[in-house]
Amino acid sequence: MPPKKKTKLDDSHVGEPTYTYVNEEAIDENLRCSYICFEPLVYPVTHDKCGHSFCRSCIEKTDYRCPCCSAGTQNEYANVKARMILNPLGSLRVQCSDCQKQMDRGDFEQHKPNCPVKCPQGCGEDVPRSKVTEHNATVCLNVQVPCTAKELGCTDIILRRNLQIHIQECKYEQSRWIIEPLKQEVISLRQHVEQLDDQYQQSLNELNKKYETILQQLPNNVSNLMGDTEHVACGSEDDIEIWNVSTGTRVKVLKGLTNYIYSIIQLSDGTLVSASNDYTIRLWNIETGECTKVHAGHTSYVYCVIQLANGTIASGSHDETICI
């Protein structure tokens, strides 16, 4: 049998602690890997044909070819379940390669995350391996951290060991008693403004809905024709209609509009003027039915139009302007 090795590595990842056996020479031969590594079995399997036991990783490296009987397939190997083998294997004494602590091999997996290591930042503390990240984030004095007044505007990065000194000198931290209440007041005001804005938007939407409803219920605009008690001019969705009041018949239609008419007036010279949903003011010749002029000075619906005392036309629009 070849010389026994002094070290047995487990299945840990690189960088994790390993172990060596205590008094390895006294370990029972029946607990060793047969004819492959000759070391104490790890995750042992037994060959059904010849009865020899091997480490699982060892027999996998031979493609399951037994070194004793030169035969075997993967299906011919079974995990060892006998307590008379597993219990002694778990009770083998081992020593951690990092902290030198001795324990039963069966307890080593539980020991690995708690095995103390020196702080990687060089603060000198021994830290459980699984707690290194937490140690760096909350305890280690050699880690650089932001100032406690970062949210107030301080951009300094300091070693944690110097943080208290910095806090005593930091102008932002020393002004916290002034800045913090003001900051909270700004946050409160911002929230209040957002609430008011939501209320405004909700009210505006409700008003727009009411406005649309009212518009749908409004009758077509009607204007009496000056000097003519028999006829009226009516605005419809896209034209102006001249009606005979006595007979109830339509006598003329003025076309050329593209949208709903909100207002109609007649000027002193007999010209009709219409205010429309197409953002325009239009002048009409009643006799010929032609549109003689178009004014497009508004950027939204034109609701009303009047003639001023000096003969000038004024119009009001949804764009909140009056055009003369």
C-alpha atoms as a PDB file:
ATOM      1  CA  MET A   1       0.000   0.000   0.000  1.00  0.00           C
ATOM      2  CA  PRO A   2       1.438   3.456  -0.907  1.00  0.00           C
ATOM      3  CA  PRO A   3       2.344   5.925   1.855  1.00  0.00           C
ATOM      4  CA  LYS A   4      -0.619   7.556   3.583  1.00  0.00           C
ATOM      5  CA  LYS A   5      -1.148  11.229   2.881  1.00  0.00           C
ATOM      6  CA  LYS A   6      -1.246  13.533   5.877  1.00  0.00           C
ATOM      7  CA  THR A   7      -4.029  15.812   4.580  1.00  0.00           C
ATOM      8  CA  LYS A   8      -7.574  15.064   3.502  1.00  0.00           C
ATOM      9  CA  LEU A   9      -9.430  17.895   1.682  1.00  0.00           C
ATOM     10  CA  ASP A  10     -13.205  17.991   1.908  1.00  0.00           C
ATOM     11  CA  ASP A  11     -15.643  19.211  -0.768  1.00  0.00           C
ATOM     12  CA  SER A  12     -15.368  22.834   0.280  1.00  0.00           C
ATOM     13  CA  HIS A  13     -14.971  25.689  -2.174  1.00  0.00           C
ATOM     14  CA  VAL A  14     -11.614  27.358  -2.714  1.00  0.00           C
ATOM     15  CA  GLY A  15     -10.814  29.650   0.190  1.00  0.00           C
ATOM     16  CA  GLU A  16     -12.844  27.697   2.739  1.00  0.00           C
ATOM     17  CA  PRO A  17     -11.070  25.908   5.628  1.00  0.00           C
ATOM     18  CA  THR A  18      -9.916  22.312   5.230  1.00  0.00           C
ATOM     19  CA  TYR A  19      -8.865  19.788   7.840  1.00  0.00           C
ATOM     20  CA  THR A  20      -6.199  17.245   8.683  1.00  0.00           C
ATOM     21  CA  TYR A  21      -6.746  14.048  10.608  1.00  0.00           C
ATOM     22  CA  VAL A  22      -5.554  13.703  14.200  1.00  0.00           C
ATOM     23  CA  ASN A  23      -3.586  10.467  14.704  1.00  0.00           C
ATOM     24  CA  GLU A  24      -4.254   9.430  11.082  1.00  0.00           C
ATOM     25  CA  GLU A  25      -2.012   6.335  11.342  1.00  0.00           C
ATOM     26  CA  ALA A  26      -4.426   4.734  13.825  1.00  0.00           C
ATOM     27  CA  ILE A  27      -7.479   4.933  11.555  1.00  0.00           C
ATOM     28  CA  ASP A  28      -9.004   1.516  10.770  1.00  0.00           C
ATOM     29  CA  GLU A  29      -8.196   0.195   7.279  1.00  0.00           C
ATOM     30  CA  ASN A  30     -11.880  -0.707   6.814  1.00  0.00           C
ATOM     31  CA  LEU A  31     -12.709   3.019   6.892  1.00  0.00           C
ATOM     32  CA  ARG A  32     -10.313   3.848   4.050  1.00  0.00           C
ATOM     33  CA  CYS A  33     -10.882   4.168   0.308  1.00  0.00           C
ATOM     34  CA  SER A  34      -9.855   0.832  -1.270  1.00  0.00           C
ATOM     35  CA  TYR A  35      -6.932   0.973  -3.730  1.00  0.00           C
ATOM     36  CA  ILE A  36      -7.526   4.566  -4.877  1.00  0.00           C
ATOM     37  CA  CYS A  37      -6.717   7.345  -2.361  1.00  0.00           C
ATOM     38  CA  PHE A  38      -6.302   5.064   0.697  1.00  0.00           C
ATOM     39  CA  GLU A  39      -7.667   7.868   2.887  1.00  0.00           C
ATOM     40  CA  PRO A  40     -10.733   7.818   5.191  1.00  0.00           C
ATOM     41  CA  LEU A  41     -13.879   7.512   3.121  1.00  0.00           C
ATOM     42  CA  VAL A  42     -15.812  10.623   2.147  1.00  0.00           C
ATOM     43  CA  TYR A  43     -19.379  10.091   0.878  1.00  0.00           C
ATOM     44  CA  PRO A  44     -18.646   6.328   0.634  1.00  0.00           C
ATOM     45  CA  VAL A  45     -20.151   3.999  -1.996  1.00  0.00           C
ATOM     46  CA  THR A  46     -19.839   0.192  -2.235  1.00  0.00           C
ATOM     47  CA  HIS A  47     -19.423  -1.918  -5.364  1.00  0.00           C
ATOM     48  CA  ASP A  48     -22.217  -4.535  -5.459  1.00  0.00           C
ATOM     49  CA  LYS A  49     -20.020  -7.110  -7.230  1.00  0.00           C
ATOM     50  CA  CYS A  50     -16.871  -7.183  -5.091  1.00  0.00           C
ATOM     51  CA  GLY A  51     -17.969  -5.376  -1.928  1.00  0.00           C
ATOM     52  CA  HIS A  52     -15.098  -2.854  -1.870  1.00  0.00           C
ATOM     53  CA  SER A  53     -15.858   0.711  -0.729  1.00  0.00           C
ATOM     54  CA  PHE A  54     -14.560   3.923  -2.261  1.00  0.00           C
ATOM     55  CA  CYS A  55     -14.963   7.659  -1.931  1.00  0.00           C
ATOM     56  CA  ARG A  56     -17.665   8.768  -4.327  1.00  0.00           C
ATOM     57  CA  SER A  57     -15.366  11.319  -5.998  1.00  0.00           C
ATOM     58  CA  CYS A  58     -12.588   8.707  -6.353  1.00  0.00           C
ATOM     59  CA  ILE A  59     -14.685   6.092  -8.170  1.00  0.00           C
ATOM     60  CA  GLU A  60     -16.200   8.789 -10.405  1.00  0.00           C
ATOM     61  CA  LYS A  61     -12.677   9.636 -11.603  1.00  0.00           C
ATOM     62  CA  THR A  62     -12.209   6.006 -12.750  1.00  0.00           C
ATOM     63  CA  ASP A  63     -15.487   6.100 -14.704  1.00  0.00           C
ATOM     64  CA  TYR A  64     -16.826   3.590 -12.117  1.00  0.00           C
ATOM     65  CA  ARG A  65     -14.247   0.934 -13.045  1.00  0.00           C
ATOM     66  CA  CYS A  66     -13.431  -0.897  -9.824  1.00  0.00           C
ATOM     67  CA  PRO A  67      -9.606  -1.122  -9.294  1.00  0.00           C
ATOM     68  CA  CYS A  68     -10.102  -4.422  -7.464  1.00  0.00           C
ATOM     69  CA  CYS A  69     -12.161  -6.439  -9.939  1.00  0.00           C
ATOM     70  CA  SER A  70     -11.531  -4.253 -13.017  1.00  0.00           C
ATOM     71  CA  ALA A  71     -15.267  -4.057 -13.745  1.00  0.00           C
ATOM     72  CA  GLY A  72     -18.245  -1.927 -12.850  1.00  0.00           C
ATOM     73  CA  THR A  73     -20.826   0.567 -14.061  1.00  0.00           C
ATOM     74  CA  GLN A  74     -22.464   3.491 -12.279  1.00  0.00           C
ATOM     75  CA  ASN A  75     -25.564   1.446 -11.485  1.00  0.00           C
ATOM     76  CA  GLU A  76     -23.455  -1.138  -9.614  1.00  0.00           C
ATOM     77  CA  TYR A  77     -22.518   1.310  -6.835  1.00  0.00           C
ATOM     78  CA  ALA A  78     -24.706   2.122  -3.835  1.00  0.00           C
ATOM     79  CA  ASN A  79     -24.317   4.666  -1.053  1.00  0.00           C
ATOM     80  CA  VAL A  80     -23.050   3.183   2.181  1.00  0.00           C
ATOM     81  CA  LYS A  81     -25.815   3.366   4.798  1.00  0.00           C
ATOM     82  CA  ALA A  82     -24.465   1.030   7.487  1.00  0.00           C
ATOM     83  CA  ARG A  83     -24.077   2.859  10.813  1.00  0.00           C
ATOM     84  CA  MET A  84     -21.122   0.637  11.694  1.00  0.00           C
ATOM     85  CA  ILE A  85     -19.235   2.489   8.899  1.00  0.00           C
ATOM     86  CA  LEU A  86     -20.816   5.947   8.932  1.00  0.00           C
ATOM     87  CA  ASN A  87     -20.676   6.517  12.698  1.00  0.00           C
ATOM     88  CA  PRO A  88     -16.922   5.786  13.009  1.00  0.00           C
ATOM     89  CA  LEU A  89     -16.252   8.005   9.957  1.00  0.00           C
ATOM     90  CA  GLY A  90     -18.174  10.857  11.545  1.00  0.00           C
ATOM     91  CA  SER A  91     -16.319  10.392  14.818  1.00  0.00           C
ATOM     92  CA  LEU A  92     -12.829  10.676  13.327  1.00  0.00           C
ATOM     93  CA  ARG A  93     -10.956  13.549  14.976  1.00  0.00           C
ATOM     94  CA  VAL A  94      -9.848  16.317  12.644  1.00  0.00           C
ATOM     95  CA  GLN A  95      -8.106  19.646  13.057  1.00  0.00           C
ATOM     96  CA  CYS A  96      -9.182  22.798  11.183  1.00  0.00           C
ATOM     97  CA  SER A  97      -6.406  24.117   8.934  1.00  0.00           C
ATOM     98  CA  ASP A  98      -7.321  27.746   9.709  1.00  0.00           C
ATOM     99  CA  CYS A  99      -8.131  27.986  13.424  1.00  0.00           C
ATOM    100  CA  GLN A 100      -6.439  24.706  14.487  1.00  0.00           C
ATOM    101  CA  LYS A 101      -9.508  23.705  16.475  1.00  0.00           C
ATOM    102  CA  GLN A 102     -10.056  19.923  16.850  1.00  0.00           C
ATOM    103  CA  MET A 103     -13.495  18.306  16.411  1.00  0.00           C
ATOM    104  CA  ASP A 104     -15.282  15.236  15.057  1.00  0.00           C
ATOM    105  CA  ARG A 105     -15.227  15.127  11.257  1.00  0.00           C
ATOM    106  CA  GLY A 106     -19.046  15.006  11.288  1.00  0.00           C
ATOM    107  CA  ASP A 107     -19.094  18.467  12.898  1.00  0.00           C
ATOM    108  CA  PHE A 108     -16.723  20.094  10.396  1.00  0.00           C
ATOM    109  CA  GLU A 109     -19.390  21.270   7.900  1.00  0.00           C
ATOM    110  CA  GLN A 110     -21.154  23.113  10.699  1.00  0.00           C
ATOM    111  CA  HIS A 111     -17.825  24.568  11.842  1.00  0.00           C
ATOM    112  CA  LYS A 112     -16.828  26.006   8.422  1.00  0.00           C
ATOM    113  CA  PRO A 113     -19.110  29.071   8.362  1.00  0.00           C
ATOM    114  CA  ASN A 114     -18.230  29.855  11.981  1.00  0.00           C
ATOM    115  CA  CYS A 115     -14.477  29.332  11.591  1.00  0.00           C
ATOM    116  CA  PRO A 116     -12.887  32.659  12.584  1.00  0.00           C
ATOM    117  CA  VAL A 117     -10.687  34.492  10.106  1.00  0.00           C
ATOM    118  CA  LYS A 118      -8.719  37.699  10.376  1.00  0.00           C
ATOM    119  CA  CYS A 119     -10.615  40.722   9.060  1.00  0.00           C
ATOM    120  CA  PRO A 120      -9.653  41.139   5.371  1.00  0.00           C
ATOM    121  CA  GLN A 121      -9.578  44.927   5.864  1.00  0.00           C
ATOM    122  CA  GLY A 122      -6.834  44.563   8.478  1.00  0.00           C
ATOM    123  CA  CYS A 123      -8.663  45.855  11.533  1.00  0.00           C
ATOM    124  CA  GLY A 124      -7.237  42.951  13.573  1.00  0.00           C
ATOM    125  CA  GLU A 125     -10.510  41.336  14.656  1.00  0.00           C
ATOM    126  CA  ASP A 126     -11.281  37.623  14.291  1.00  0.00           C
ATOM    127  CA  VAL A 127     -14.558  37.291  12.407  1.00  0.00           C
ATOM    128  CA  PRO A 128     -16.686  34.182  11.716  1.00  0.00           C
ATOM    129  CA  ARG A 129     -16.248  33.378   8.038  1.00  0.00           C
ATOM    130  CA  SER A 130     -19.969  33.769   7.313  1.00  0.00           C
ATOM    131  CA  LYS A 131     -20.053  37.177   9.043  1.00  0.00           C
ATOM    132  CA  VAL A 132     -17.247  38.912   7.116  1.00  0.00           C
ATOM    133  CA  THR A 133     -19.627  40.901   4.882  1.00  0.00           C
ATOM    134  CA  GLU A 134     -21.719  41.974   7.865  1.00  0.00           C
ATOM    135  CA  HIS A 135     -18.550  42.872   9.788  1.00  0.00           C
ATOM    136  CA  ASN A 136     -17.312  45.092   6.946  1.00  0.00           C
ATOM    137  CA  ALA A 137     -20.690  46.773   6.591  1.00  0.00           C
ATOM    138  CA  THR A 138     -21.295  47.553  10.269  1.00  0.00           C
ATOM    139  CA  VAL A 139     -18.224  47.102  12.470  1.00  0.00           C
ATOM    140  CA  CYS A 140     -14.844  47.169  10.726  1.00  0.00           C
ATOM    141  CA  LEU A 141     -12.946  50.363  11.561  1.00  0.00           C
ATOM    142  CA  ASN A 142     -10.836  50.172   8.383  1.00  0.00           C
ATOM    143  CA  VAL A 143     -13.791  50.457   5.994  1.00  0.00           C
ATOM    144  CA  GLN A 144     -14.561  53.796   4.359  1.00  0.00           C
ATOM    145  CA  VAL A 145     -18.095  55.024   5.025  1.00  0.00           C
ATOM    146  CA  PRO A 146     -20.096  58.122   4.062  1.00  0.00           C
ATOM    147  CA  CYS A 147     -20.719  60.869   6.561  1.00  0.00           C
ATOM    148  CA  THR A 148     -23.861  60.492   8.684  1.00  0.00           C
ATOM    149  CA  ALA A 149     -24.960  63.843   7.242  1.00  0.00           C
ATOM    150  CA  LYS A 150     -24.911  62.556   3.660  1.00  0.00           C
ATOM    151  CA  GLU A 151     -28.637  63.203   3.283  1.00  0.00           C
ATOM    152  CA  LEU A 152     -28.025  66.806   4.339  1.00  0.00           C
ATOM    153  CA  GLY A 153     -25.410  67.361   1.644  1.00  0.00           C
ATOM    154  CA  CYS A 154     -22.059  66.175   3.028  1.00  0.00           C
ATOM    155  CA  THR A 155     -20.111  64.219   0.377  1.00  0.00           C
ATOM    156  CA  ASP A 156     -17.096  63.200   2.509  1.00  0.00           C
ATOM    157  CA  ILE A 157     -16.013  59.536   2.722  1.00  0.00           C
ATOM    158  CA  ILE A 158     -14.139  58.654   5.937  1.00  0.00           C
ATOM    159  CA  LEU A 159     -12.646  55.623   7.647  1.00  0.00           C
ATOM    160  CA  ARG A 160     -15.130  54.365  10.225  1.00  0.00           C
ATOM    161  CA  ARG A 161     -12.482  54.745  12.917  1.00  0.00           C
ATOM    162  CA  ASN A 162     -12.384  58.515  12.162  1.00  0.00           C
ATOM    163  CA  LEU A 163     -16.125  58.990  11.741  1.00  0.00           C
ATOM    164  CA  GLN A 164     -16.825  60.433  15.197  1.00  0.00           C
ATOM    165  CA  ILE A 165     -14.046  63.003  14.801  1.00  0.00           C
ATOM    166  CA  HIS A 166     -15.431  64.001  11.408  1.00  0.00           C
ATOM    167  CA  ILE A 167     -18.971  64.322  12.794  1.00  0.00           C
ATOM    168  CA  GLN A 168     -17.748  66.806  15.400  1.00  0.00           C
ATOM    169  CA  GLU A 169     -16.223  68.946  12.641  1.00  0.00           C
ATOM    170  CA  CYS A 170     -18.825  68.447   9.861  1.00  0.00           C
ATOM    171  CA  LYS A 171     -20.712  71.680   9.190  1.00  0.00           C
ATOM    172  CA  TYR A 172     -23.691  69.747   7.877  1.00  0.00           C
ATOM    173  CA  GLU A 173     -23.931  67.580  11.004  1.00  0.00           C
ATOM    174  CA  GLN A 174     -23.509  70.618  13.245  1.00  0.00           C
ATOM    175  CA  SER A 175     -26.335  72.342  11.355  1.00  0.00           C
ATOM    176  CA  ARG A 176     -28.657  69.329  11.525  1.00  0.00           C
ATOM    177  CA  TRP A 177     -30.806  70.975  14.224  1.00  0.00           C
ATOM    178  CA  ILE A 178     -31.590  73.723  11.716  1.00  0.00           C
ATOM    179  CA  ILE A 179     -31.598  71.784   8.442  1.00  0.00           C
ATOM    180  CA  GLU A 180     -33.600  68.749   9.587  1.00  0.00           C
ATOM    181  CA  PRO A 181     -36.781  70.648  10.617  1.00  0.00           C
ATOM    182  CA  LEU A 182     -36.593  72.705   7.419  1.00  0.00           C
ATOM    183  CA  LYS A 183     -36.134  69.553   5.376  1.00  0.00           C
ATOM    184  CA  GLN A 184     -39.169  67.951   7.029  1.00  0.00           C
ATOM    185  CA  GLU A 185     -41.178  71.114   6.407  1.00  0.00           C
ATOM    186  CA  VAL A 186     -40.202  71.083   2.723  1.00  0.00           C
ATOM    187  CA  ILE A 187     -41.240  67.419   2.478  1.00  0.00           C
ATOM    188  CA  SER A 188     -44.557  68.230   4.168  1.00  0.00           C
ATOM    189  CA  LEU A 189     -45.163  71.197   1.856  1.00  0.00           C
ATOM    190  CA  ARG A 190     -44.293  69.125  -1.193  1.00  0.00           C
ATOM    191  CA  GLN A 191     -46.788  66.461  -0.135  1.00  0.00           C
ATOM    192  CA  HIS A 192     -49.424  69.147   0.447  1.00  0.00           C
ATOM    193  CA  VAL A 193     -48.793  70.656  -2.996  1.00  0.00           C
ATOM    194  CA  GLU A 194     -49.101  67.209  -4.568  1.00  0.00           C
ATOM    195  CA  GLN A 195     -52.417  66.698  -2.780  1.00  0.00           C
ATOM    196  CA  LEU A 196     -53.666  70.096  -3.969  1.00  0.00           C
ATOM    197  CA  ASP A 197     -52.546  69.298  -7.495  1.00  0.00           C
ATOM    198  CA  ASP A 198     -54.452  66.005  -7.400  1.00  0.00           C
ATOM    199  CA  GLN A 199     -57.540  67.815  -6.106  1.00  0.00           C
ATOM    200  CA  TYR A 200     -57.160  70.461  -8.815  1.00  0.00           C
ATOM    201  CA  GLN A 201     -56.850  67.862 -11.549  1.00  0.00           C
ATOM    202  CA  GLN A 202     -59.878  66.003 -10.200  1.00  0.00           C
ATOM    203  CA  SER A 203     -61.945  69.206 -10.060  1.00  0.00           C
ATOM    204  CA  LEU A 204     -60.782  70.196 -13.542  1.00  0.00           C
ATOM    205  CA  ASN A 205     -61.772  66.796 -14.933  1.00  0.00           C
ATOM    206  CA  GLU A 206     -65.188  67.068 -13.315  1.00  0.00           C
ATOM    207  CA  LEU A 207     -65.686  70.568 -14.735  1.00  0.00           C
ATOM    208  CA  ASN A 208     -64.654  69.398 -18.202  1.00  0.00           C
ATOM    209  CA  LYS A 209     -67.157  66.540 -18.000  1.00  0.00           C
ATOM    210  CA  LYS A 210     -69.916  68.973 -16.933  1.00  0.00           C
ATOM    211  CA  TYR A 211     -68.884  71.350 -19.697  1.00  0.00           C
ATOM    212  CA  GLU A 212     -69.079  68.641 -22.340  1.00  0.00           C
ATOM    213  CA  THR A 213     -72.491  67.596 -21.019  1.00  0.00           C
ATOM    214  CA  ILE A 214     -73.780  71.180 -21.197  1.00  0.00           C
ATOM    215  CA  LEU A 215     -72.431  71.617 -24.722  1.00  0.00           C
ATOM    216  CA  GLN A 216     -74.278  68.498 -25.841  1.00  0.00           C
ATOM    217  CA  GLN A 217     -77.516  69.881 -24.370  1.00  0.00           C
ATOM    218  CA  LEU A 218     -77.235  73.366 -25.919  1.00  0.00           C
ATOM    219  CA  PRO A 219     -79.600  74.098 -28.823  1.00  0.00           C
ATOM    220  CA  ASN A 220     -78.251  75.359 -32.152  1.00  0.00           C
ATOM    221  CA  ASN A 221     -77.431  79.048 -32.061  1.00  0.00           C
ATOM    222  CA  VAL A 222     -80.139  81.285 -33.482  1.00  0.00           C
ATOM    223  CA  SER A 223     -79.968  84.920 -34.582  1.00  0.00           C
ATOM    224  CA  ASN A 224     -82.816  87.178 -35.767  1.00  0.00           C
ATOM    225  CA  LEU A 225     -82.089  88.880 -39.063  1.00  0.00           C
ATOM    226  CA  MET A 226     -82.226  92.660 -38.774  1.00  0.00           C
ATOM    227  CA  GLY A 227     -85.127  94.265 -40.667  1.00  0.00           C
ATOM    228  CA  ASP A 228     -86.646  90.860 -41.355  1.00  0.00           C
ATOM    229  CA  THR A 229     -89.169  89.473 -38.896  1.00  0.00           C
ATOM    230  CA  GLU A 230     -89.889  86.485 -41.107  1.00  0.00           C
ATOM    231  CA  HIS A 231     -86.460  84.844 -41.095  1.00  0.00           C
ATOM    232  CA  VAL A 232     -83.828  83.690 -38.596  1.00  0.00           C
ATOM    233  CA  ALA A 233     -80.289  82.315 -39.016  1.00  0.00           C
ATOM    234  CA  CYS A 234     -79.493  79.066 -37.145  1.00  0.00           C
ATOM    235  CA  GLY A 235     -76.122  77.513 -36.542  1.00  0.00           C
ATOM    236  CA  SER A 236     -75.923  73.720 -36.823  1.00  0.00           C
ATOM    237  CA  GLU A 237     -73.007  71.308 -36.645  1.00  0.00           C
ATOM    238  CA  ASP A 238     -71.294  72.385 -39.862  1.00  0.00           C
ATOM    239  CA  ASP A 239     -73.463  74.939 -41.675  1.00  0.00           C
ATOM    240  CA  ILE A 240     -75.736  77.985 -41.216  1.00  0.00           C
ATOM    241  CA  GLU A 241     -79.388  77.608 -42.109  1.00  0.00           C
ATOM    242  CA  ILE A 242     -81.865  80.405 -42.915  1.00  0.00           C
ATOM    243  CA  TRP A 243     -85.416  79.519 -41.826  1.00  0.00           C
ATOM    244  CA  ASN A 244     -88.809  81.106 -42.524  1.00  0.00           C
ATOM    245  CA  VAL A 245     -90.402  81.490 -39.101  1.00  0.00           C
ATOM    246  CA  SER A 246     -93.962  81.690 -40.413  1.00  0.00           C
ATOM    247  CA  THR A 247     -93.886  78.610 -42.607  1.00  0.00           C
ATOM    248  CA  GLY A 248     -91.275  76.645 -40.620  1.00  0.00           C
ATOM    249  CA  THR A 249     -89.309  75.874 -43.759  1.00  0.00           C
ATOM    250  CA  ARG A 250     -85.616  76.140 -44.467  1.00  0.00           C
ATOM    251  CA  VAL A 251     -84.985  78.555 -47.314  1.00  0.00           C
ATOM    252  CA  LYS A 252     -81.167  78.644 -47.556  1.00  0.00           C
ATOM    253  CA  VAL A 253     -78.032  76.834 -46.322  1.00  0.00           C
ATOM    254  CA  LEU A 254     -74.623  78.487 -46.007  1.00  0.00           C
ATOM    255  CA  LYS A 255     -71.901  75.829 -46.254  1.00  0.00           C
ATOM    256  CA  GLY A 256     -68.147  75.842 -45.717  1.00  0.00           C
ATOM    257  CA  LEU A 257     -67.832  75.216 -41.979  1.00  0.00           C
ATOM    258  CA  THR A 258     -66.029  72.187 -40.565  1.00  0.00           C
ATOM    259  CA  ASN A 259     -67.347  72.012 -37.004  1.00  0.00           C
ATOM    260  CA  TYR A 260     -70.015  73.054 -34.497  1.00  0.00           C
ATOM    261  CA  ILE A 261     -71.172  76.738 -34.498  1.00  0.00           C
ATOM    262  CA  TYR A 262     -71.418  78.370 -31.056  1.00  0.00           C
ATOM    263  CA  SER A 263     -72.544  81.901 -31.946  1.00  0.00           C
ATOM    264  CA  ILE A 264     -74.070  83.873 -34.839  1.00  0.00           C
ATOM    265  CA  ILE A 265     -74.636  87.641 -35.131  1.00  0.00           C
ATOM    266  CA  GLN A 266     -75.582  89.949 -37.962  1.00  0.00           C
ATOM    267  CA  LEU A 267     -73.568  93.110 -38.546  1.00  0.00           C
ATOM    268  CA  SER A 268     -75.113  96.464 -39.325  1.00  0.00           C
ATOM    269  CA  ASP A 269     -74.297  95.998 -43.003  1.00  0.00           C
ATOM    270  CA  GLY A 270     -76.235  92.734 -43.116  1.00  0.00           C
ATOM    271  CA  THR A 271     -73.176  90.435 -43.020  1.00  0.00           C
ATOM    272  CA  LEU A 272     -73.525  87.305 -40.885  1.00  0.00           C
ATOM    273  CA  VAL A 273     -70.648  86.438 -38.498  1.00  0.00           C
ATOM    274  CA  SER A 274     -70.201  82.927 -37.079  1.00  0.00           C
ATOM    275  CA  ALA A 275     -68.020  81.677 -34.164  1.00  0.00           C
ATOM    276  CA  SER A 276     -67.139  78.018 -34.527  1.00  0.00           C
ATOM    277  CA  ASN A 277     -65.573  74.990 -32.901  1.00  0.00           C
ATOM    278  CA  ASP A 278     -62.968  75.013 -35.693  1.00  0.00           C
ATOM    279  CA  TYR A 279     -61.186  77.990 -33.967  1.00  0.00           C
ATOM    280  CA  THR A 280     -62.397  80.491 -36.661  1.00  0.00           C
ATOM    281  CA  ILE A 281     -64.562  83.598 -37.067  1.00  0.00           C
ATOM    282  CA  ARG A 282     -66.245  83.637 -40.522  1.00  0.00           C
ATOM    283  CA  LEU A 283     -68.083  86.412 -42.374  1.00  0.00           C
ATOM    284  CA  TRP A 284     -70.987  85.455 -44.694  1.00  0.00           C
ATOM    285  CA  ASN A 285     -72.928  87.096 -47.492  1.00  0.00           C
ATOM    286  CA  ILE A 286     -76.566  86.118 -46.897  1.00  0.00           C
ATOM    287  CA  GLU A 287     -77.647  86.821 -50.448  1.00  0.00           C
ATOM    288  CA  THR A 288     -74.974  84.727 -52.204  1.00  0.00           C
ATOM    289  CA  GLY A 289     -74.412  82.235 -49.374  1.00  0.00           C
ATOM    290  CA  GLU A 290     -70.639  82.664 -49.713  1.00  0.00           C
ATOM    291  CA  CYS A 291     -68.044  82.968 -46.944  1.00  0.00           C
ATOM    292  CA  THR A 292     -66.313  86.263 -47.630  1.00  0.00           C
ATOM    293  CA  LYS A 293     -63.611  86.176 -44.946  1.00  0.00           C
ATOM    294  CA  VAL A 294     -62.075  83.845 -42.369  1.00  0.00           C
ATOM    295  CA  HIS A 295     -60.316  85.016 -39.173  1.00  0.00           C
ATOM    296  CA  ALA A 296     -58.167  82.346 -37.496  1.00  0.00           C
ATOM    297  CA  GLY A 297     -56.605  84.169 -34.557  1.00  0.00           C
ATOM    298  CA  HIS A 298     -57.655  81.749 -31.802  1.00  0.00           C
ATOM    299  CA  THR A 299     -56.039  78.470 -30.767  1.00  0.00           C
ATOM    300  CA  SER A 300     -59.170  76.804 -29.382  1.00  0.00           C
ATOM    301  CA  TYR A 301     -62.983  76.814 -29.632  1.00  0.00           C
ATOM    302  CA  VAL A 302     -64.540  80.252 -30.272  1.00  0.00           C
ATOM    303  CA  TYR A 303     -67.621  80.531 -28.060  1.00  0.00           C
ATOM    304  CA  CYS A 304     -68.994  84.006 -28.715  1.00  0.00           C
ATOM    305  CA  VAL A 305     -68.791  86.977 -31.048  1.00  0.00           C
ATOM    306  CA  ILE A 306     -70.237  90.520 -30.778  1.00  0.00           C
ATOM    307  CA  GLN A 307     -70.096  93.810 -32.667  1.00  0.00           C
ATOM    308  CA  LEU A 308     -68.785  96.742 -30.627  1.00  0.00           C
ATOM    309  CA  ALA A 309     -70.194 100.276 -30.811  1.00  0.00           C
ATOM    310  CA  ASN A 310     -67.444 101.338 -33.205  1.00  0.00           C
ATOM    311  CA  GLY A 311     -68.319  98.496 -35.575  1.00  0.00           C
ATOM    312  CA  THR A 312     -65.368  96.306 -34.590  1.00  0.00           C
ATOM    313  CA  ILE A 313     -65.919  92.569 -34.033  1.00  0.00           C
ATOM    314  CA  ALA A 314     -64.790  90.982 -30.714  1.00  0.00           C
ATOM    315  CA  SER A 315     -64.621  87.237 -30.085  1.00  0.00           C
ATOM    316  CA  GLY A 316     -64.071  85.117 -26.953  1.00  0.00           C
ATOM    317  CA  SER A 317     -62.452  81.676 -26.969  1.00  0.00           C
ATOM    318  CA  HIS A 318     -61.668  78.648 -24.815  1.00  0.00           C
ATOM    319  CA  ASP A 319     -57.999  79.641 -25.173  1.00  0.00           C
ATOM    320  CA  GLU A 320     -58.785  82.402 -22.635  1.00  0.00           C
ATOM    321  CA  THR A 321     -58.251  85.244 -25.093  1.00  0.00           C
ATOM    322  CA  ILE A 322     -60.427  87.942 -26.703  1.00  0.00           C
ATOM    323  CA  CYS A 323     -59.619  88.889 -30.260  1.00  0.00           C
ATOM    324  CA  ILE A 324     -60.618  92.230 -31.735  1.00  0.00           C
END
